[in-house]
Amino acid sequence: MLVKVFVTPRKGILDPQGRAVEQSLKSLGFGGVGAVRVGRYITLELDAPSVEQARAAARRMCEQLLANPNIEDYSFEVEPPEAGPR
């Protein structure tokens, strides 16, 4: 299964990289841009017997390693394997 993990700074946490991107976009003429947050996108190939077990494993991975719970939020998507040709 394919697991897509999105990790972003929590609201209220200083995000200097997001601020730099926001200012750069404004200086390039993109005036409607605001509140830019820069995070990470992680993909994992996970061998799990069910989508529910893949979700549980992904949640544990995020809580234990992929995201810092003090300063980051995370979300993830689990895509079951596509059925092959019949």
N, C-alpha and C. Protein backbone atom coordinates (compact mmCIF):
# COMPACT_ATOMS: atom_id res chain seq x y z
N MET A 1 0.85 -1.18 0.00
CA MET A 1 0.00 0.00 0.00
C MET A 1 0.89 1.23 0.00
N LEU A 2 0.37 2.27 -0.61
CA LEU A 2 1.08 3.54 -0.64
C LEU A 2 0.53 4.43 0.47
N VAL A 3 1.43 4.93 1.31
CA VAL A 3 1.05 5.85 2.38
C VAL A 3 1.67 7.20 2.05
N LYS A 4 0.84 8.24 2.04
CA LYS A 4 1.31 9.61 1.80
C LYS A 4 1.15 10.37 3.10
N VAL A 5 2.27 10.90 3.62
CA VAL A 5 2.28 11.60 4.90
C VAL A 5 2.58 13.08 4.65
N PHE A 6 1.80 13.95 5.28
CA PHE A 6 1.98 15.39 5.18
C PHE A 6 2.29 15.93 6.58
N VAL A 7 3.45 16.56 6.75
CA VAL A 7 3.86 17.10 8.04
C VAL A 7 4.01 18.61 7.88
N THR A 8 3.34 19.37 8.75
CA THR A 8 3.39 20.84 8.68
C THR A 8 3.61 21.43 10.07
N PRO A 9 4.19 22.61 10.13
CA PRO A 9 4.33 23.27 11.44
C PRO A 9 2.95 23.58 12.01
N ARG A 10 2.81 23.44 13.31
CA ARG A 10 1.55 23.76 13.96
C ARG A 10 1.29 25.27 13.86
N LYS A 11 0.02 25.61 13.87
CA LYS A 11 -0.34 27.03 13.88
C LYS A 11 0.22 27.65 15.14
N GLY A 12 0.76 28.84 15.00
CA GLY A 12 1.35 29.54 16.13
C GLY A 12 2.83 29.25 16.31
N ILE A 13 3.35 28.27 15.59
CA ILE A 13 4.79 27.96 15.65
C ILE A 13 5.50 28.76 14.56
N LEU A 14 6.59 29.38 14.91
CA LEU A 14 7.35 30.17 13.95
C LEU A 14 7.79 29.29 12.77
N ASP A 15 7.54 29.77 11.56
CA ASP A 15 7.92 29.04 10.35
C ASP A 15 8.74 29.98 9.46
N PRO A 16 10.04 30.13 9.74
CA PRO A 16 10.85 31.07 8.97
C PRO A 16 10.92 30.72 7.49
N GLN A 17 10.92 29.44 7.15
CA GLN A 17 10.98 29.05 5.74
C GLN A 17 9.67 29.46 5.04
N GLY A 18 8.55 29.24 5.69
CA GLY A 18 7.27 29.66 5.12
C GLY A 18 7.20 31.17 4.95
N ARG A 19 7.71 31.88 5.92
CA ARG A 19 7.71 33.35 5.85
C ARG A 19 8.58 33.83 4.69
N ALA A 20 9.75 33.20 4.50
CA ALA A 20 10.64 33.57 3.39
C ALA A 20 9.97 33.30 2.05
N VAL A 21 9.28 32.17 1.92
CA VAL A 21 8.58 31.86 0.68
C VAL A 21 7.46 32.88 0.44
N GLU A 22 6.73 33.20 1.48
CA GLU A 22 5.65 34.19 1.36
C GLU A 22 6.19 35.53 0.87
N GLN A 23 7.27 36.01 1.48
CA GLN A 23 7.85 37.29 1.08
C GLN A 23 8.39 37.24 -0.34
N SER A 24 9.00 36.14 -0.72
CA SER A 24 9.53 36.00 -2.08
C SER A 24 8.41 36.00 -3.11
N LEU A 25 7.33 35.30 -2.81
CA LEU A 25 6.20 35.29 -3.74
C LEU A 25 5.61 36.69 -3.90
N LYS A 26 5.50 37.42 -2.80
CA LYS A 26 4.98 38.80 -2.87
C LYS A 26 5.92 39.68 -3.70
N SER A 27 7.23 39.50 -3.53
CA SER A 27 8.18 40.32 -4.29
C SER A 27 8.15 39.97 -5.78
N LEU A 28 7.67 38.77 -6.12
CA LEU A 28 7.52 38.38 -7.52
C LEU A 28 6.17 38.80 -8.11
N GLY A 29 5.37 39.49 -7.31
CA GLY A 29 4.10 40.01 -7.81
C GLY A 29 2.88 39.18 -7.46
N PHE A 30 3.04 38.16 -6.64
CA PHE A 30 1.90 37.35 -6.22
C PHE A 30 1.35 37.93 -4.92
N GLY A 31 0.61 39.04 -5.05
CA GLY A 31 0.15 39.79 -3.89
C GLY A 31 -0.91 39.12 -3.06
N GLY A 32 -1.65 38.17 -3.60
CA GLY A 32 -2.73 37.54 -2.85
C GLY A 32 -2.29 36.39 -1.97
N VAL A 33 -0.98 36.18 -1.83
CA VAL A 33 -0.48 35.05 -1.06
C VAL A 33 -0.30 35.44 0.39
N GLY A 34 -0.71 34.57 1.30
CA GLY A 34 -0.52 34.83 2.72
C GLY A 34 -0.49 33.55 3.51
N ALA A 35 0.04 33.61 4.70
CA ALA A 35 0.09 32.49 5.64
C ALA A 35 0.69 31.23 5.01
N VAL A 36 1.86 31.35 4.41
CA VAL A 36 2.53 30.21 3.80
C VAL A 36 3.16 29.36 4.89
N ARG A 37 2.94 28.06 4.83
CA ARG A 37 3.54 27.11 5.75
C ARG A 37 4.31 26.10 4.90
N VAL A 38 5.54 25.84 5.24
CA VAL A 38 6.36 24.89 4.50
C VAL A 38 6.54 23.65 5.38
N GLY A 39 6.25 22.50 4.79
CA GLY A 39 6.35 21.26 5.54
C GLY A 39 7.04 20.19 4.73
N ARG A 40 6.71 18.93 5.05
CA ARG A 40 7.33 17.80 4.36
C ARG A 40 6.24 16.89 3.82
N TYR A 41 6.57 16.23 2.72
CA TYR A 41 5.70 15.24 2.09
C TYR A 41 6.51 13.95 2.01
N ILE A 42 6.02 12.90 2.62
CA ILE A 42 6.74 11.64 2.70
C ILE A 42 5.86 10.54 2.11
N THR A 43 6.43 9.71 1.26
CA THR A 43 5.69 8.55 0.74
C THR A 43 6.35 7.28 1.24
N LEU A 44 5.52 6.30 1.55
CA LEU A 44 6.00 5.01 2.07
C LEU A 44 5.28 3.89 1.35
N GLU A 45 6.01 2.90 0.94
CA GLU A 45 5.41 1.65 0.46
C GLU A 45 5.30 0.76 1.70
N LEU A 46 4.10 0.35 2.03
CA LEU A 46 3.88 -0.40 3.26
C LEU A 46 3.19 -1.71 2.96
N ASP A 47 3.78 -2.79 3.43
CA ASP A 47 3.19 -4.11 3.28
C ASP A 47 2.31 -4.35 4.50
N ALA A 48 1.00 -4.26 4.32
CA ALA A 48 0.05 -4.46 5.42
C ALA A 48 -1.12 -5.29 4.91
N PRO A 49 -1.68 -6.13 5.76
CA PRO A 49 -2.77 -7.00 5.31
C PRO A 49 -4.10 -6.28 5.04
N SER A 50 -4.27 -5.08 5.62
CA SER A 50 -5.52 -4.34 5.39
C SER A 50 -5.25 -2.85 5.46
N VAL A 51 -6.20 -2.08 4.92
CA VAL A 51 -6.09 -0.62 4.97
C VAL A 51 -6.10 -0.14 6.42
N GLU A 52 -6.92 -0.75 7.25
CA GLU A 52 -7.01 -0.35 8.66
C GLU A 52 -5.67 -0.55 9.38
N GLN A 53 -5.01 -1.67 9.10
CA GLN A 53 -3.71 -1.92 9.72
C GLN A 53 -2.65 -0.98 9.16
N ALA A 54 -2.74 -0.63 7.90
CA ALA A 54 -1.82 0.34 7.31
C ALA A 54 -2.01 1.70 7.96
N ARG A 55 -3.26 2.09 8.20
CA ARG A 55 -3.53 3.38 8.87
C ARG A 55 -2.96 3.38 10.28
N ALA A 56 -3.15 2.29 11.01
CA ALA A 56 -2.63 2.21 12.37
C ALA A 56 -1.10 2.30 12.38
N ALA A 57 -0.46 1.60 11.45
CA ALA A 57 1.00 1.65 11.36
C ALA A 57 1.48 3.05 10.99
N ALA A 58 0.80 3.70 10.04
CA ALA A 58 1.18 5.05 9.62
C ALA A 58 1.04 6.02 10.78
N ARG A 59 -0.02 5.89 11.55
CA ARG A 59 -0.22 6.77 12.71
C ARG A 59 0.93 6.59 13.71
N ARG A 60 1.30 5.35 13.99
CA ARG A 60 2.40 5.09 14.93
C ARG A 60 3.72 5.66 14.40
N MET A 61 3.97 5.50 13.08
CA MET A 61 5.19 6.04 12.48
C MET A 61 5.25 7.56 12.64
N CYS A 62 4.12 8.22 12.40
CA CYS A 62 4.08 9.68 12.53
C CYS A 62 4.32 10.10 13.98
N GLU A 63 3.67 9.43 14.90
CA GLU A 63 3.79 9.80 16.31
C GLU A 63 5.17 9.52 16.87
N GLN A 64 5.84 8.47 16.38
CA GLN A 64 7.13 8.08 16.95
C GLN A 64 8.34 8.66 16.23
N LEU A 65 8.19 9.00 14.93
CA LEU A 65 9.38 9.44 14.19
C LEU A 65 9.14 10.56 13.20
N LEU A 66 8.12 10.44 12.38
CA LEU A 66 8.00 11.33 11.22
C LEU A 66 7.60 12.75 11.56
N ALA A 67 6.89 12.96 12.67
CA ALA A 67 6.47 14.30 13.06
C ALA A 67 6.85 14.55 14.52
N ASN A 68 7.26 15.76 14.81
CA ASN A 68 7.53 16.17 16.19
C ASN A 68 6.22 16.68 16.78
N PRO A 69 5.60 15.95 17.70
CA PRO A 69 4.28 16.32 18.19
C PRO A 69 4.23 17.65 18.92
N ASN A 70 5.39 18.17 19.34
CA ASN A 70 5.41 19.46 20.04
C ASN A 70 5.24 20.64 19.10
N ILE A 71 5.71 20.49 17.85
CA ILE A 71 5.70 21.64 16.95
C ILE A 71 5.09 21.35 15.58
N GLU A 72 4.71 20.08 15.31
CA GLU A 72 4.21 19.74 13.99
C GLU A 72 2.89 18.98 14.07
N ASP A 73 2.09 19.17 13.04
CA ASP A 73 0.88 18.39 12.83
C ASP A 73 1.12 17.46 11.65
N TYR A 74 0.36 16.39 11.58
CA TYR A 74 0.50 15.49 10.45
C TYR A 74 -0.87 14.99 10.01
N SER A 75 -0.92 14.59 8.77
CA SER A 75 -2.07 13.87 8.23
C SER A 75 -1.50 12.87 7.23
N PHE A 76 -2.31 11.88 6.89
CA PHE A 76 -1.83 10.89 5.94
C PHE A 76 -2.99 10.30 5.17
N GLU A 77 -2.65 9.73 4.03
CA GLU A 77 -3.61 9.02 3.18
C GLU A 77 -3.03 7.63 2.91
N VAL A 78 -3.89 6.64 2.87
CA VAL A 78 -3.48 5.29 2.53
C VAL A 78 -4.19 4.88 1.25
N GLU A 79 -3.41 4.50 0.25
CA GLU A 79 -3.97 4.04 -1.01
C GLU A 79 -3.78 2.53 -1.11
N PRO A 80 -4.88 1.78 -1.17
CA PRO A 80 -4.72 0.33 -1.32
C PRO A 80 -4.08 0.02 -2.66
N PRO A 81 -3.44 -1.13 -2.76
CA PRO A 81 -2.83 -1.50 -4.04
C PRO A 81 -3.88 -1.65 -5.12
N GLU A 82 -3.50 -1.24 -6.30
CA GLU A 82 -4.43 -1.38 -7.43
C GLU A 82 -4.49 -2.84 -7.86
N ALA A 83 -5.67 -3.26 -8.24
CA ALA A 83 -5.81 -4.62 -8.74
C ALA A 83 -5.15 -4.73 -10.11
N GLY A 84 -4.43 -5.79 -10.31
CA GLY A 84 -3.74 -5.99 -11.57
C GLY A 84 -4.72 -6.44 -12.65
N PRO A 85 -4.25 -6.55 -13.91
CA PRO A 85 -5.13 -6.97 -14.99
C PRO A 85 -5.61 -8.41 -14.78
N ARG A 86 -6.80 -8.67 -15.20
CA ARG A 86 -7.38 -10.01 -15.03
C ARG A 86 -7.49 -10.72 -16.34
